[in-house]
Amino acid sequence: MEKTMEKIVALCNARGFIYPGSQIYGGLANTWDYGNLGVELKNNVKRAWWQKFVQESP
Protein backbone atom coordinates (compact mmCIF):
# COMPACT_ATOMS: atom_id res chain seq x y z
CA MET A 1 0.00 0.00 0.00
CA GLU A 2 2.84 2.40 0.81
CA LYS A 3 4.37 1.95 -2.65
CA THR A 4 1.00 2.72 -4.23
CA MET A 5 0.69 5.92 -2.18
CA GLU A 6 4.21 6.95 -3.19
CA LYS A 7 3.27 6.45 -6.84
CA ILE A 8 0.09 8.50 -6.44
CA VAL A 9 1.96 11.33 -4.70
CA ALA A 10 4.68 11.31 -7.37
CA LEU A 11 2.07 11.47 -10.15
CA CYS A 12 0.14 14.29 -8.48
CA ASN A 13 3.38 16.19 -7.93
CA ALA A 14 4.50 15.70 -11.54
CA ARG A 15 1.11 16.80 -12.90
CA GLY A 16 0.89 19.91 -10.72
CA PHE A 17 -1.90 18.90 -8.34
CA ILE A 18 0.23 19.12 -5.18
CA TYR A 19 3.70 20.23 -4.13
CA PRO A 20 5.64 19.55 -0.93
CA GLY A 21 4.71 22.26 1.59
CA SER A 22 6.67 25.47 1.19
CA GLN A 23 9.34 23.55 -0.69
CA ILE A 24 11.35 26.62 -1.68
CA TYR A 25 11.37 27.93 1.89
CA GLY A 26 12.40 24.69 3.60
CA GLY A 27 8.84 24.22 4.91
CA LEU A 28 7.34 21.73 7.31
CA ALA A 29 7.78 18.03 6.67
CA ASN A 30 4.81 15.99 5.43
CA THR A 31 2.69 18.97 4.41
CA TRP A 32 1.38 19.70 0.93
CA ASP A 33 0.39 22.79 -1.01
CA TYR A 34 -2.18 22.65 -3.78
CA GLY A 35 -1.02 23.46 -7.29
CA ASN A 36 -3.32 25.12 -9.83
CA LEU A 37 -4.96 21.83 -10.80
CA GLY A 38 -5.25 20.77 -7.17
CA VAL A 39 -7.16 23.94 -6.31
CA GLU A 40 -9.55 23.38 -9.22
CA LEU A 41 -10.10 19.74 -8.22
CA LYS A 42 -10.77 20.74 -4.61
CA ASN A 43 -13.25 23.43 -5.72
CA ASN A 44 -15.06 20.97 -7.99
CA VAL A 45 -15.43 18.47 -5.14
CA LYS A 46 -16.69 21.19 -2.78
CA ARG A 47 -19.16 22.46 -5.40
CA ALA A 48 -20.49 18.95 -6.07
CA TRP A 49 -20.84 18.24 -2.34
CA TRP A 50 -22.68 21.53 -1.76
CA GLN A 51 -25.05 20.87 -4.64
CA LYS A 52 -25.79 17.29 -3.53
CA PHE A 53 -26.24 17.81 0.21
CA VAL A 54 -27.38 21.42 0.53
CA GLN A 55 -29.20 22.48 -2.62
CA GLU A 56 -31.00 19.28 -3.57
CA SER A 57 -34.24 18.65 -1.75
CA PRO A 58 -34.55 15.30 0.09
PDB file of N, CA and C in Angstrom:
ATOM      1  N   MET A   1       0.823  -1.196   0.000  1.00  0.00           N
ATOM      2  CA  MET A   1       0.000   0.000   0.000  1.00  0.00           C
ATOM      3  C   MET A   1       0.865   1.258   0.000  1.00  0.00           C
ATOM      4  N   GLU A   2       1.975   1.228   0.729  1.00  0.00           N
ATOM      5  CA  GLU A   2       2.836   2.401   0.814  1.00  0.00           C
ATOM      6  C   GLU A   2       3.441   2.738  -0.545  1.00  0.00           C
ATOM      7  N   LYS A   3       3.818   1.711  -1.315  1.00  0.00           N
ATOM      8  CA  LYS A   3       4.371   1.948  -2.649  1.00  0.00           C
ATOM      9  C   LYS A   3       3.331   2.590  -3.554  1.00  0.00           C
ATOM     10  N   THR A   4       2.079   2.148  -3.423  1.00  0.00           N
ATOM     11  CA  THR A   4       1.003   2.722  -4.227  1.00  0.00           C
ATOM     12  C   THR A   4       0.821   4.194  -3.886  1.00  0.00           C
ATOM     13  N   MET A   5       0.843   4.527  -2.602  1.00  0.00           N
ATOM     14  CA  MET A   5       0.691   5.921  -2.177  1.00  0.00           C
ATOM     15  C   MET A   5       1.843   6.765  -2.700  1.00  0.00           C
ATOM     16  N   GLU A   6       3.051   6.227  -2.667  1.00  0.00           N
ATOM     17  CA  GLU A   6       4.210   6.953  -3.188  1.00  0.00           C
ATOM     18  C   GLU A   6       4.045   7.229  -4.679  1.00  0.00           C
ATOM     19  N   LYS A   7       3.507   6.268  -5.411  1.00  0.00           N
ATOM     20  CA  LYS A   7       3.274   6.455  -6.842  1.00  0.00           C
ATOM     21  C   LYS A   7       2.217   7.523  -7.089  1.00  0.00           C
ATOM     22  N   ILE A   8       1.158   7.506  -6.296  1.00  0.00           N
ATOM     23  CA  ILE A   8       0.094   8.503  -6.443  1.00  0.00           C
ATOM     24  C   ILE A   8       0.633   9.900  -6.146  1.00  0.00           C
ATOM     25  N   VAL A   9       1.392  10.035  -5.071  1.00  0.00           N
ATOM     26  CA  VAL A   9       1.962  11.330  -4.704  1.00  0.00           C
ATOM     27  C   VAL A   9       2.918  11.815  -5.789  1.00  0.00           C
ATOM     28  N   ALA A  10       3.746  10.928  -6.312  1.00  0.00           N
ATOM     29  CA  ALA A  10       4.679  11.310  -7.371  1.00  0.00           C
ATOM     30  C   ALA A  10       3.936  11.768  -8.621  1.00  0.00           C
ATOM     31  N   LEU A  11       2.863  11.080  -8.982  1.00  0.00           N
ATOM     32  CA  LEU A  11       2.070  11.466 -10.151  1.00  0.00           C
ATOM     33  C   LEU A  11       1.404  12.824  -9.935  1.00  0.00           C
ATOM     34  N   CYS A  12       0.797  13.013  -8.768  1.00  0.00           N
ATOM     35  CA  CYS A  12       0.144  14.292  -8.475  1.00  0.00           C
ATOM     36  C   CYS A  12       1.144  15.441  -8.460  1.00  0.00           C
ATOM     37  N   ASN A  13       2.330  15.180  -7.951  1.00  0.00           N
ATOM     38  CA  ASN A  13       3.382  16.191  -7.932  1.00  0.00           C
ATOM     39  C   ASN A  13       3.844  16.512  -9.350  1.00  0.00           C
ATOM     40  N   ALA A  14       4.037  15.496 -10.165  1.00  0.00           N
ATOM     41  CA  ALA A  14       4.500  15.701 -11.541  1.00  0.00           C
ATOM     42  C   ALA A  14       3.463  16.430 -12.386  1.00  0.00           C
ATOM     43  N   ARG A  15       2.183  16.184 -12.108  1.00  0.00           N
ATOM     44  CA  ARG A  15       1.108  16.797 -12.905  1.00  0.00           C
ATOM     45  C   ARG A  15       0.669  18.156 -12.366  1.00  0.00           C
ATOM     46  N   GLY A  16       1.205  18.583 -11.237  1.00  0.00           N
ATOM     47  CA  GLY A  16       0.888  19.910 -10.719  1.00  0.00           C
ATOM     48  C   GLY A  16      -0.324  19.991  -9.814  1.00  0.00           C
ATOM     49  N   PHE A  17      -0.768  18.865  -9.266  1.00  0.00           N
ATOM     50  CA  PHE A  17      -1.900  18.900  -8.340  1.00  0.00           C
ATOM     51  C   PHE A  17      -1.451  19.306  -6.940  1.00  0.00           C
ATOM     52  N   ILE A  18      -0.300  18.808  -6.511  1.00  0.00           N
ATOM     53  CA  ILE A  18       0.230  19.118  -5.182  1.00  0.00           C
ATOM     54  C   ILE A  18       1.733  19.335  -5.270  1.00  0.00           C
ATOM     55  N   TYR A  19       2.257  20.027  -4.271  1.00  0.00           N
ATOM     56  CA  TYR A  19       3.699  20.231  -4.129  1.00  0.00           C
ATOM     57  C   TYR A  19       4.037  20.089  -2.655  1.00  0.00           C
ATOM     58  N   PRO A  20       5.242  19.606  -2.344  1.00  0.00           N
ATOM     59  CA  PRO A  20       5.635  19.554  -0.932  1.00  0.00           C
ATOM     60  C   PRO A  20       5.508  20.938  -0.300  1.00  0.00           C
ATOM     61  N   GLY A  21       5.010  21.002   0.919  1.00  0.00           N
ATOM     62  CA  GLY A  21       4.708  22.262   1.592  1.00  0.00           C
ATOM     63  C   GLY A  21       5.880  23.212   1.676  1.00  0.00           C
ATOM     64  N   SER A  22       5.669  24.401   1.163  1.00  0.00           N
ATOM     65  CA  SER A  22       6.671  25.471   1.193  1.00  0.00           C
ATOM     66  C   SER A  22       8.052  24.958   0.813  1.00  0.00           C
ATOM     67  N   GLN A  23       8.117  24.212  -0.252  1.00  0.00           N
ATOM     68  CA  GLN A  23       9.344  23.547  -0.692  1.00  0.00           C
ATOM     69  C   GLN A  23      10.505  24.528  -0.845  1.00  0.00           C
ATOM     70  N   ILE A  24      10.251  25.685  -1.426  1.00  0.00           N
ATOM     71  CA  ILE A  24      11.347  26.616  -1.685  1.00  0.00           C
ATOM     72  C   ILE A  24      11.807  27.324  -0.420  1.00  0.00           C
ATOM     73  N   TYR A  25      11.003  27.265   0.645  1.00  0.00           N
ATOM     74  CA  TYR A  25      11.370  27.930   1.887  1.00  0.00           C
ATOM     75  C   TYR A  25      11.835  26.958   2.961  1.00  0.00           C
ATOM     76  N   GLY A  26      12.009  25.688   2.606  1.00  0.00           N
ATOM     77  CA  GLY A  26      12.395  24.695   3.605  1.00  0.00           C
ATOM     78  C   GLY A  26      11.269  24.471   4.604  1.00  0.00           C
ATOM     79  N   GLY A  27      10.061  24.286   4.089  1.00  0.00           N
ATOM     80  CA  GLY A  27       8.841  24.216   4.906  1.00  0.00           C
ATOM     81  C   GLY A  27       8.749  22.986   5.784  1.00  0.00           C
ATOM     82  N   LEU A  28       7.596  22.833   6.391  1.00  0.00           N
ATOM     83  CA  LEU A  28       7.337  21.730   7.306  1.00  0.00           C
ATOM     84  C   LEU A  28       7.326  20.400   6.574  1.00  0.00           C
ATOM     85  N   ALA A  29       7.786  19.371   7.255  1.00  0.00           N
ATOM     86  CA  ALA A  29       7.783  18.031   6.671  1.00  0.00           C
ATOM     87  C   ALA A  29       6.358  17.496   6.609  1.00  0.00           C
ATOM     88  N   ASN A  30       6.093  16.689   5.594  1.00  0.00           N
ATOM     89  CA  ASN A  30       4.813  15.995   5.431  1.00  0.00           C
ATOM     90  C   ASN A  30       3.610  16.928   5.300  1.00  0.00           C
ATOM     91  N   THR A  31       3.810  18.089   4.727  1.00  0.00           N
ATOM     92  CA  THR A  31       2.686  18.967   4.407  1.00  0.00           C
ATOM     93  C   THR A  31       2.678  19.183   2.904  1.00  0.00           C
ATOM     94  N   TRP A  32       1.517  19.540   2.374  1.00  0.00           N
ATOM     95  CA  TRP A  32       1.378  19.697   0.929  1.00  0.00           C
ATOM     96  C   TRP A  32       0.665  20.998   0.612  1.00  0.00           C
ATOM     97  N   ASP A  33       1.079  21.627  -0.473  1.00  0.00           N
ATOM     98  CA  ASP A  33       0.389  22.795  -1.008  1.00  0.00           C
ATOM     99  C   ASP A  33      -0.299  22.373  -2.289  1.00  0.00           C
ATOM    100  N   TYR A  34      -1.475  22.939  -2.539  1.00  0.00           N
ATOM    101  CA  TYR A  34      -2.182  22.646  -3.777  1.00  0.00           C
ATOM    102  C   TYR A  34      -1.558  23.434  -4.926  1.00  0.00           C
ATOM    103  N   GLY A  35      -1.394  22.766  -6.063  1.00  0.00           N
ATOM    104  CA  GLY A  35      -1.020  23.456  -7.288  1.00  0.00           C
ATOM    105  C   GLY A  35      -2.285  23.983  -7.946  1.00  0.00           C
ATOM    106  N   ASN A  36      -2.155  24.574  -9.132  1.00  0.00           N
ATOM    107  CA  ASN A  36      -3.321  25.121  -9.832  1.00  0.00           C
ATOM    108  C   ASN A  36      -4.389  24.061 -10.062  1.00  0.00           C
ATOM    109  N   LEU A  37      -3.988  22.896 -10.536  1.00  0.00           N
ATOM    110  CA  LEU A  37      -4.956  21.830 -10.799  1.00  0.00           C
ATOM    111  C   LEU A  37      -5.553  21.280  -9.510  1.00  0.00           C
ATOM    112  N   GLY A  38      -4.757  21.239  -8.461  1.00  0.00           N
ATOM    113  CA  GLY A  38      -5.252  20.769  -7.173  1.00  0.00           C
ATOM    114  C   GLY A  38      -6.332  21.680  -6.609  1.00  0.00           C
ATOM    115  N   VAL A  39      -6.151  22.984  -6.775  1.00  0.00           N
ATOM    116  CA  VAL A  39      -7.157  23.945  -6.315  1.00  0.00           C
ATOM    117  C   VAL A  39      -8.450  23.757  -7.095  1.00  0.00           C
ATOM    118  N   GLU A  40      -8.349  23.580  -8.401  1.00  0.00           N
ATOM    119  CA  GLU A  40      -9.546  23.376  -9.221  1.00  0.00           C
ATOM    120  C   GLU A  40     -10.262  22.076  -8.850  1.00  0.00           C
ATOM    121  N   LEU A  41      -9.501  21.010  -8.623  1.00  0.00           N
ATOM    122  CA  LEU A  41     -10.100  19.735  -8.218  1.00  0.00           C
ATOM    123  C   LEU A  41     -10.820  19.879  -6.880  1.00  0.00           C
ATOM    124  N   LYS A  42     -10.172  20.526  -5.922  1.00  0.00           N
ATOM    125  CA  LYS A  42     -10.775  20.742  -4.605  1.00  0.00           C
ATOM    126  C   LYS A  42     -12.063  21.558  -4.728  1.00  0.00           C
ATOM    127  N   ASN A  43     -12.046  22.614  -5.537  1.00  0.00           N
ATOM    128  CA  ASN A  43     -13.245  23.434  -5.723  1.00  0.00           C
ATOM    129  C   ASN A  43     -14.371  22.649  -6.383  1.00  0.00           C
ATOM    130  N   ASN A  44     -14.040  21.792  -7.343  1.00  0.00           N
ATOM    131  CA  ASN A  44     -15.062  20.965  -7.994  1.00  0.00           C
ATOM    132  C   ASN A  44     -15.706  19.995  -7.012  1.00  0.00           C
ATOM    133  N   VAL A  45     -14.896  19.393  -6.146  1.00  0.00           N
ATOM    134  CA  VAL A  45     -15.430  18.465  -5.142  1.00  0.00           C
ATOM    135  C   VAL A  45     -16.329  19.220  -4.160  1.00  0.00           C
ATOM    136  N   LYS A  46     -15.875  20.386  -3.702  1.00  0.00           N
ATOM    137  CA  LYS A  46     -16.687  21.187  -2.784  1.00  0.00           C
ATOM    138  C   LYS A  46     -18.000  21.611  -3.431  1.00  0.00           C
ATOM    139  N   ARG A  47     -17.958  22.025  -4.683  1.00  0.00           N
ATOM    140  CA  ARG A  47     -19.158  22.457  -5.396  1.00  0.00           C
ATOM    141  C   ARG A  47     -20.141  21.298  -5.556  1.00  0.00           C
ATOM    142  N   ALA A  48     -19.630  20.120  -5.913  1.00  0.00           N
ATOM    143  CA  ALA A  48     -20.493  18.946  -6.074  1.00  0.00           C
ATOM    144  C   ALA A  48     -21.111  18.538  -4.740  1.00  0.00           C
ATOM    145  N   TRP A  49     -20.323  18.576  -3.666  1.00  0.00           N
ATOM    146  CA  TRP A  49     -20.838  18.245  -2.341  1.00  0.00           C
ATOM    147  C   TRP A  49     -21.941  19.216  -1.944  1.00  0.00           C
ATOM    148  N   TRP A  50     -21.701  20.506  -2.132  1.00  0.00           N
ATOM    149  CA  TRP A  50     -22.675  21.532  -1.764  1.00  0.00           C
ATOM    150  C   TRP A  50     -23.980  21.338  -2.534  1.00  0.00           C
ATOM    151  N   GLN A  51     -23.855  21.064  -3.817  1.00  0.00           N
ATOM    152  CA  GLN A  51     -25.046  20.866  -4.639  1.00  0.00           C
ATOM    153  C   GLN A  51     -25.825  19.635  -4.172  1.00  0.00           C
ATOM    154  N   LYS A  52     -25.129  18.541  -3.909  1.00  0.00           N
ATOM    155  CA  LYS A  52     -25.787  17.291  -3.528  1.00  0.00           C
ATOM    156  C   LYS A  52     -26.460  17.375  -2.159  1.00  0.00           C
ATOM    157  N   PHE A  53     -25.757  17.887  -1.168  1.00  0.00           N
ATOM    158  CA  PHE A  53     -26.236  17.810   0.207  1.00  0.00           C
ATOM    159  C   PHE A  53     -26.942  19.065   0.710  1.00  0.00           C
ATOM    160  N   VAL A  54     -26.766  20.188   0.042  1.00  0.00           N
ATOM    161  CA  VAL A  54     -27.383  21.417   0.526  1.00  0.00           C
ATOM    162  C   VAL A  54     -28.497  21.894  -0.400  1.00  0.00           C
ATOM    163  N   GLN A  55     -28.233  21.900  -1.692  1.00  0.00           N
ATOM    164  CA  GLN A  55     -29.201  22.481  -2.616  1.00  0.00           C
ATOM    165  C   GLN A  55     -30.292  21.518  -3.064  1.00  0.00           C
ATOM    166  N   GLU A  56     -29.982  20.233  -3.150  1.00  0.00           N
ATOM    167  CA  GLU A  56     -31.004  19.276  -3.574  1.00  0.00           C
ATOM    168  C   GLU A  56     -31.979  19.008  -2.440  1.00  0.00           C
ATOM    169  N   SER A  57     -33.247  18.938  -2.788  1.00  0.00           N
ATOM    170  CA  SER A  57     -34.242  18.647  -1.754  1.00  0.00           C
ATOM    171  C   SER A  57     -34.293  17.139  -1.502  1.00  0.00           C
ATOM    172  N   PRO A  58     -34.555  16.738  -0.260  1.00  0.00           N
ATOM    173  CA  PRO A  58     -34.551  15.304   0.088  1.00  0.00           C
ATOM    174  C   PRO A  58     -35.657  14.512  -0.557  1.00  0.00           C
TER     175      PRO A  58
END
